[in-house]
Amino acid sequence: MKTLSSELDALTDNALMLKVRDGDLDKMSLLFERYKKPLFGFFYHMNKDSELSEDLVQNVFFRILKYRYLFRGEGDFKTWMFHIARNVSHDHHRKNKLAAKDSLEAWEDKLGSDENRSSVMQREEEMQLLSMAMDRLPEEKREILLLSKFQDKKYKEIGEILGCSEGAVKVKVFRALQDLKEMYQKLETRY
């Protein structure tokens, strides 16, 4: 008898999705197990809201089921899924007219003014400043950094998700990193 993990390992993403497309909806649970954490991380880094991120992950899989007939198996399932994830995120923000949250006040409370910080506290502060800097980037730049640095997507995959060339992705990542560095340095001088 196959276990869930051995079945997970045995089938590629595309093979699983083709089975889902052809009516074997039980295979969707395998894809969900495989991708719920990466999707949650993607959404959480975009909006800093756990409940919303969980809802958006569910919406992605709902759309995958709804539009399963569109999957042809020619491209990479992950690219197709992240394209859907981007659409879910954009639709949510457009529908609810949410402005990007400015959580600076919350971060200011956490930073404190203790002069004798240990190296652990220093690292924590750096991560908080980095998070603040990420939050202050425009959504497009935050998104491309999340895809390239946190989701470890290749530039070619990101190009497919965003609908642009690999070269354009390289330029966008470079510019987003420059902006992130500048924002981080500005925040660092304030605190």
C-alpha atoms as a PDB file:
ATOM      1  CA  MET A   1       0.000   0.000   0.000  1.00  0.00           C
ATOM      2  CA  LYS A   2       1.384   3.398  -1.003  1.00  0.00           C
ATOM      3  CA  THR A   3       1.903   6.037   1.622  1.00  0.00           C
ATOM      4  CA  LEU A   4       1.145   9.672   0.950  1.00  0.00           C
ATOM      5  CA  SER A   5       4.837  10.624   0.883  1.00  0.00           C
ATOM      6  CA  SER A   6       5.832   7.814  -1.481  1.00  0.00           C
ATOM      7  CA  GLU A   7       2.990   8.792  -3.818  1.00  0.00           C
ATOM      8  CA  LEU A   8       4.064  12.430  -3.523  1.00  0.00           C
ATOM      9  CA  ASP A   9       7.598  11.547  -4.524  1.00  0.00           C
ATOM     10  CA  ALA A  10       6.567   9.183  -7.310  1.00  0.00           C
ATOM     11  CA  LEU A  11       4.562  11.646  -9.404  1.00  0.00           C
ATOM     12  CA  THR A  12       5.747  14.868 -10.944  1.00  0.00           C
ATOM     13  CA  ASP A  13       3.720  18.022 -10.498  1.00  0.00           C
ATOM     14  CA  ASN A  14       2.675  18.015 -14.134  1.00  0.00           C
ATOM     15  CA  ALA A  15       1.617  14.345 -13.967  1.00  0.00           C
ATOM     16  CA  LEU A  16      -0.470  15.044 -10.864  1.00  0.00           C
ATOM     17  CA  MET A  17      -2.100  18.084 -12.426  1.00  0.00           C
ATOM     18  CA  LEU A  18      -2.897  16.186 -15.607  1.00  0.00           C
ATOM     19  CA  LYS A  19      -4.646  13.553 -13.475  1.00  0.00           C
ATOM     20  CA  VAL A  20      -6.592  16.321 -11.696  1.00  0.00           C
ATOM     21  CA  ARG A  21      -7.486  17.862 -15.040  1.00  0.00           C
ATOM     22  CA  ASP A  22      -8.755  14.498 -16.274  1.00  0.00           C
ATOM     23  CA  GLY A  23     -11.028  14.059 -13.246  1.00  0.00           C
ATOM     24  CA  ASP A  24      -8.900  12.396 -10.544  1.00  0.00           C
ATOM     25  CA  LEU A  25      -9.582  15.187  -8.034  1.00  0.00           C
ATOM     26  CA  ASP A  26      -8.028  13.220  -5.149  1.00  0.00           C
ATOM     27  CA  LYS A  27      -4.603  14.054  -6.614  1.00  0.00           C
ATOM     28  CA  MET A  28      -5.242  17.711  -5.755  1.00  0.00           C
ATOM     29  CA  SER A  29      -4.530  16.868  -2.100  1.00  0.00           C
ATOM     30  CA  LEU A  30      -1.020  15.782  -3.093  1.00  0.00           C
ATOM     31  CA  LEU A  31      -0.388  19.076  -4.871  1.00  0.00           C
ATOM     32  CA  PHE A  32      -1.840  20.941  -1.900  1.00  0.00           C
ATOM     33  CA  GLU A  33       0.529  19.151   0.515  1.00  0.00           C
ATOM     34  CA  ARG A  34       3.453  19.938  -1.744  1.00  0.00           C
ATOM     35  CA  TYR A  35       2.739  23.637  -2.243  1.00  0.00           C
ATOM     36  CA  LYS A  36       0.718  24.989   0.675  1.00  0.00           C
ATOM     37  CA  LYS A  37       3.848  26.147   2.563  1.00  0.00           C
ATOM     38  CA  PRO A  38       5.622  27.845  -0.382  1.00  0.00           C
ATOM     39  CA  LEU A  39       2.386  29.611  -1.345  1.00  0.00           C
ATOM     40  CA  PHE A  40       1.722  30.650   2.248  1.00  0.00           C
ATOM     41  CA  GLY A  41       5.254  32.064   2.467  1.00  0.00           C
ATOM     42  CA  PHE A  42       4.782  33.971  -0.788  1.00  0.00           C
ATOM     43  CA  PHE A  43       1.511  35.533   0.377  1.00  0.00           C
ATOM     44  CA  TYR A  44       2.696  36.162   3.937  1.00  0.00           C
ATOM     45  CA  HIS A  45       5.752  38.063   2.735  1.00  0.00           C
ATOM     46  CA  MET A  46       3.455  40.155   0.557  1.00  0.00           C
ATOM     47  CA  ASN A  47       0.835  41.054   3.167  1.00  0.00           C
ATOM     48  CA  LYS A  48       2.139  40.093   6.679  1.00  0.00           C
ATOM     49  CA  ASP A  49      -1.288  38.641   7.555  1.00  0.00           C
ATOM     50  CA  SER A  50      -1.435  34.924   8.444  1.00  0.00           C
ATOM     51  CA  GLU A  51      -5.192  34.526   8.123  1.00  0.00           C
ATOM     52  CA  LEU A  52      -5.314  36.358   4.814  1.00  0.00           C
ATOM     53  CA  SER A  53      -2.375  34.291   3.534  1.00  0.00           C
ATOM     54  CA  GLU A  54      -4.139  31.045   4.437  1.00  0.00           C
ATOM     55  CA  ASP A  55      -7.285  32.248   2.666  1.00  0.00           C
ATOM     56  CA  LEU A  56      -5.307  33.191  -0.429  1.00  0.00           C
ATOM     57  CA  VAL A  57      -3.626  29.747  -0.518  1.00  0.00           C
ATOM     58  CA  GLN A  58      -7.099  28.179  -0.422  1.00  0.00           C
ATOM     59  CA  ASN A  59      -8.214  30.510  -3.218  1.00  0.00           C
ATOM     60  CA  VAL A  60      -5.269  29.428  -5.373  1.00  0.00           C
ATOM     61  CA  PHE A  61      -6.240  25.772  -5.073  1.00  0.00           C
ATOM     62  CA  PHE A  62      -9.877  26.608  -5.651  1.00  0.00           C
ATOM     63  CA  ARG A  63      -8.893  28.362  -8.899  1.00  0.00           C
ATOM     64  CA  ILE A  64      -6.638  25.476  -9.872  1.00  0.00           C
ATOM     65  CA  LEU A  65      -9.658  23.190  -9.576  1.00  0.00           C
ATOM     66  CA  LYS A  66     -11.945  25.642 -11.332  1.00  0.00           C
ATOM     67  CA  TYR A  67      -9.565  26.171 -14.262  1.00  0.00           C
ATOM     68  CA  ARG A  68      -7.983  22.710 -14.341  1.00  0.00           C
ATOM     69  CA  TYR A  69      -9.163  22.170 -17.902  1.00  0.00           C
ATOM     70  CA  LEU A  70      -6.794  24.978 -19.002  1.00  0.00           C
ATOM     71  CA  PHE A  71      -3.693  23.101 -17.844  1.00  0.00           C
ATOM     72  CA  ARG A  72      -2.066  21.457 -20.866  1.00  0.00           C
ATOM     73  CA  GLY A  73       1.011  20.007 -19.185  1.00  0.00           C
ATOM     74  CA  GLU A  74       3.367  21.692 -21.642  1.00  0.00           C
ATOM     75  CA  GLY A  75       4.775  24.206 -19.148  1.00  0.00           C
ATOM     76  CA  ASP A  76       5.878  23.821 -15.566  1.00  0.00           C
ATOM     77  CA  PHE A  77       3.043  23.348 -13.052  1.00  0.00           C
ATOM     78  CA  LYS A  78       4.789  25.578 -10.472  1.00  0.00           C
ATOM     79  CA  THR A  79       4.974  28.438 -12.954  1.00  0.00           C
ATOM     80  CA  TRP A  80       1.283  28.023 -13.783  1.00  0.00           C
ATOM     81  CA  MET A  81       0.390  27.841 -10.080  1.00  0.00           C
ATOM     82  CA  PHE A  82       2.394  30.976  -9.169  1.00  0.00           C
ATOM     83  CA  HIS A  83       0.786  32.805 -12.084  1.00  0.00           C
ATOM     84  CA  ILE A  84      -2.592  31.925 -10.544  1.00  0.00           C
ATOM     85  CA  ALA A  85      -1.266  32.981  -7.109  1.00  0.00           C
ATOM     86  CA  ARG A  86      -0.308  36.406  -8.468  1.00  0.00           C
ATOM     87  CA  ASN A  87      -3.764  36.796  -9.977  1.00  0.00           C
ATOM     88  CA  VAL A  88      -5.415  35.765  -6.692  1.00  0.00           C
ATOM     89  CA  SER A  89      -3.338  38.344  -4.825  1.00  0.00           C
ATOM     90  CA  HIS A  90      -3.998  41.119  -7.327  1.00  0.00           C
ATOM     91  CA  ASP A  91      -7.718  40.311  -7.445  1.00  0.00           C
ATOM     92  CA  HIS A  92      -7.962  40.336  -3.661  1.00  0.00           C
ATOM     93  CA  HIS A  93      -6.247  43.702  -3.360  1.00  0.00           C
ATOM     94  CA  ARG A  94      -8.193  45.197  -6.237  1.00  0.00           C
ATOM     95  CA  LYS A  95     -11.517  43.877  -4.953  1.00  0.00           C
ATOM     96  CA  ASN A  96     -10.933  45.054  -1.400  1.00  0.00           C
ATOM     97  CA  LYS A  97      -9.018  48.194  -2.418  1.00  0.00           C
ATOM     98  CA  LEU A  98      -6.406  47.447   0.181  1.00  0.00           C
ATOM     99  CA  ALA A  99      -3.524  49.819   0.448  1.00  0.00           C
ATOM    100  CA  ALA A 100      -0.206  48.316   1.423  1.00  0.00           C
ATOM    101  CA  LYS A 101      -0.035  48.223   5.199  1.00  0.00           C
ATOM    102  CA  ASP A 102       2.470  50.490   6.825  1.00  0.00           C
ATOM    103  CA  SER A 103       3.533  48.583   9.899  1.00  0.00           C
ATOM    104  CA  LEU A 104       6.266  51.018  10.888  1.00  0.00           C
ATOM    105  CA  GLU A 105       4.676  51.702  14.282  1.00  0.00           C
ATOM    106  CA  ALA A 106       4.691  48.009  15.171  1.00  0.00           C
ATOM    107  CA  TRP A 107       8.334  47.701  14.161  1.00  0.00           C
ATOM    108  CA  GLU A 108       9.319  50.816  16.104  1.00  0.00           C
ATOM    109  CA  ASP A 109       7.989  49.230  19.310  1.00  0.00           C
ATOM    110  CA  LYS A 110      10.039  46.103  18.720  1.00  0.00           C
ATOM    111  CA  LEU A 111      13.285  47.943  17.999  1.00  0.00           C
ATOM    112  CA  GLY A 112      13.587  49.643  21.388  1.00  0.00           C
ATOM    113  CA  SER A 113      16.628  51.656  22.441  1.00  0.00           C
ATOM    114  CA  ASP A 114      18.738  49.262  24.533  1.00  0.00           C
ATOM    115  CA  GLU A 115      22.387  50.227  24.070  1.00  0.00           C
ATOM    116  CA  ASN A 116      23.830  46.823  25.064  1.00  0.00           C
ATOM    117  CA  ARG A 117      22.373  44.532  22.423  1.00  0.00           C
ATOM    118  CA  SER A 118      23.872  41.108  21.966  1.00  0.00           C
ATOM    119  CA  SER A 119      24.759  39.809  18.522  1.00  0.00           C
ATOM    120  CA  VAL A 120      21.439  37.953  18.487  1.00  0.00           C
ATOM    121  CA  MET A 121      19.587  41.192  19.102  1.00  0.00           C
ATOM    122  CA  GLN A 122      21.660  42.877  16.413  1.00  0.00           C
ATOM    123  CA  ARG A 123      20.726  40.187  13.888  1.00  0.00           C
ATOM    124  CA  GLU A 124      17.084  40.460  14.908  1.00  0.00           C
ATOM    125  CA  GLU A 125      17.211  44.209  14.396  1.00  0.00           C
ATOM    126  CA  GLU A 126      18.767  43.772  10.955  1.00  0.00           C
ATOM    127  CA  MET A 127      16.002  41.345   9.982  1.00  0.00           C
ATOM    128  CA  GLN A 128      13.361  43.773  11.239  1.00  0.00           C
ATOM    129  CA  LEU A 129      14.894  46.613   9.247  1.00  0.00           C
ATOM    130  CA  LEU A 130      15.040  44.376   6.187  1.00  0.00           C
ATOM    131  CA  SER A 131      11.393  43.487   6.670  1.00  0.00           C
ATOM    132  CA  MET A 132      10.501  47.163   7.017  1.00  0.00           C
ATOM    133  CA  ALA A 133      12.449  47.964   3.881  1.00  0.00           C
ATOM    134  CA  MET A 134      10.678  45.159   1.986  1.00  0.00           C
ATOM    135  CA  ASP A 135       7.299  46.435   3.196  1.00  0.00           C
ATOM    136  CA  ARG A 136       8.096  49.905   1.843  1.00  0.00           C
ATOM    137  CA  LEU A 137       8.969  48.695  -1.654  1.00  0.00           C
ATOM    138  CA  PRO A 138       6.305  48.949  -4.345  1.00  0.00           C
ATOM    139  CA  GLU A 139       4.342  45.721  -4.673  1.00  0.00           C
ATOM    140  CA  GLU A 140       5.912  44.810  -8.039  1.00  0.00           C
ATOM    141  CA  LYS A 141       9.442  45.043  -6.648  1.00  0.00           C
ATOM    142  CA  ARG A 142       8.549  43.176  -3.453  1.00  0.00           C
ATOM    143  CA  GLU A 143       6.911  40.465  -5.547  1.00  0.00           C
ATOM    144  CA  ILE A 144       9.915  39.952  -7.832  1.00  0.00           C
ATOM    145  CA  LEU A 145      12.283  39.738  -4.847  1.00  0.00           C
ATOM    146  CA  LEU A 146      10.014  37.223  -3.139  1.00  0.00           C
ATOM    147  CA  LEU A 147       9.871  35.065  -6.246  1.00  0.00           C
ATOM    148  CA  SER A 148      13.616  35.205  -6.911  1.00  0.00           C
ATOM    149  CA  LYS A 149      15.084  35.193  -3.402  1.00  0.00           C
ATOM    150  CA  PHE A 150      12.508  33.531  -1.131  1.00  0.00           C
ATOM    151  CA  GLN A 151      10.865  31.120  -3.560  1.00  0.00           C
ATOM    152  CA  ASP A 152      14.171  30.384  -5.363  1.00  0.00           C
ATOM    153  CA  LYS A 153      12.593  30.719  -8.787  1.00  0.00           C
ATOM    154  CA  LYS A 154      14.867  30.904 -11.806  1.00  0.00           C
ATOM    155  CA  TYR A 155      14.725  34.081 -13.894  1.00  0.00           C
ATOM    156  CA  LYS A 156      13.206  32.145 -16.782  1.00  0.00           C
ATOM    157  CA  GLU A 157      10.365  30.876 -14.541  1.00  0.00           C
ATOM    158  CA  ILE A 158       9.757  34.362 -13.183  1.00  0.00           C
ATOM    159  CA  GLY A 159       9.629  35.675 -16.741  1.00  0.00           C
ATOM    160  CA  GLU A 160       6.939  33.124 -17.561  1.00  0.00           C
ATOM    161  CA  ILE A 161       4.971  34.090 -14.442  1.00  0.00           C
ATOM    162  CA  LEU A 162       5.261  37.831 -15.118  1.00  0.00           C
ATOM    163  CA  GLY A 163       4.951  37.581 -18.893  1.00  0.00           C
ATOM    164  CA  CYS A 164       8.338  39.129 -19.713  1.00  0.00           C
ATOM    165  CA  SER A 165      11.761  38.029 -20.910  1.00  0.00           C
ATOM    166  CA  GLU A 166      14.479  36.530 -18.739  1.00  0.00           C
ATOM    167  CA  GLY A 167      16.610  39.616 -19.401  1.00  0.00           C
ATOM    168  CA  ALA A 168      13.815  41.907 -18.224  1.00  0.00           C
ATOM    169  CA  VAL A 169      13.539  39.845 -15.030  1.00  0.00           C
ATOM    170  CA  LYS A 170      17.281  40.257 -14.382  1.00  0.00           C
ATOM    171  CA  VAL A 171      16.945  44.025 -14.734  1.00  0.00           C
ATOM    172  CA  LYS A 172      13.861  44.102 -12.489  1.00  0.00           C
ATOM    173  CA  VAL A 173      15.566  42.014  -9.793  1.00  0.00           C
ATOM    174  CA  PHE A 174      18.673  44.214  -9.956  1.00  0.00           C
ATOM    175  CA  ARG A 175      16.610  47.404  -9.633  1.00  0.00           C
ATOM    176  CA  ALA A 176      14.479  45.946  -6.835  1.00  0.00           C
ATOM    177  CA  LEU A 177      17.634  44.954  -4.934  1.00  0.00           C
ATOM    178  CA  GLN A 178      19.056  48.454  -5.407  1.00  0.00           C
ATOM    179  CA  ASP A 179      15.854  50.010  -4.074  1.00  0.00           C
ATOM    180  CA  LEU A 180      15.804  47.564  -1.165  1.00  0.00           C
ATOM    181  CA  LYS A 181      19.390  48.430  -0.280  1.00  0.00           C
ATOM    182  CA  GLU A 182      18.646  52.168  -0.393  1.00  0.00           C
ATOM    183  CA  MET A 183      15.505  51.763   1.726  1.00  0.00           C
ATOM    184  CA  TYR A 184      17.380  49.591   4.235  1.00  0.00           C
ATOM    185  CA  GLN A 185      20.166  52.162   4.536  1.00  0.00           C
ATOM    186  CA  LYS A 186      17.663  54.988   5.069  1.00  0.00           C
ATOM    187  CA  LEU A 187      15.924  53.021   7.806  1.00  0.00           C
ATOM    188  CA  GLU A 188      19.251  52.050   9.335  1.00  0.00           C
ATOM    189  CA  THR A 189      20.274  55.710   9.714  1.00  0.00           C
ATOM    190  CA  ARG A 190      16.947  56.543  11.387  1.00  0.00           C
ATOM    191  CA  TYR A 191      17.272  53.825  13.990  1.00  0.00           C
END
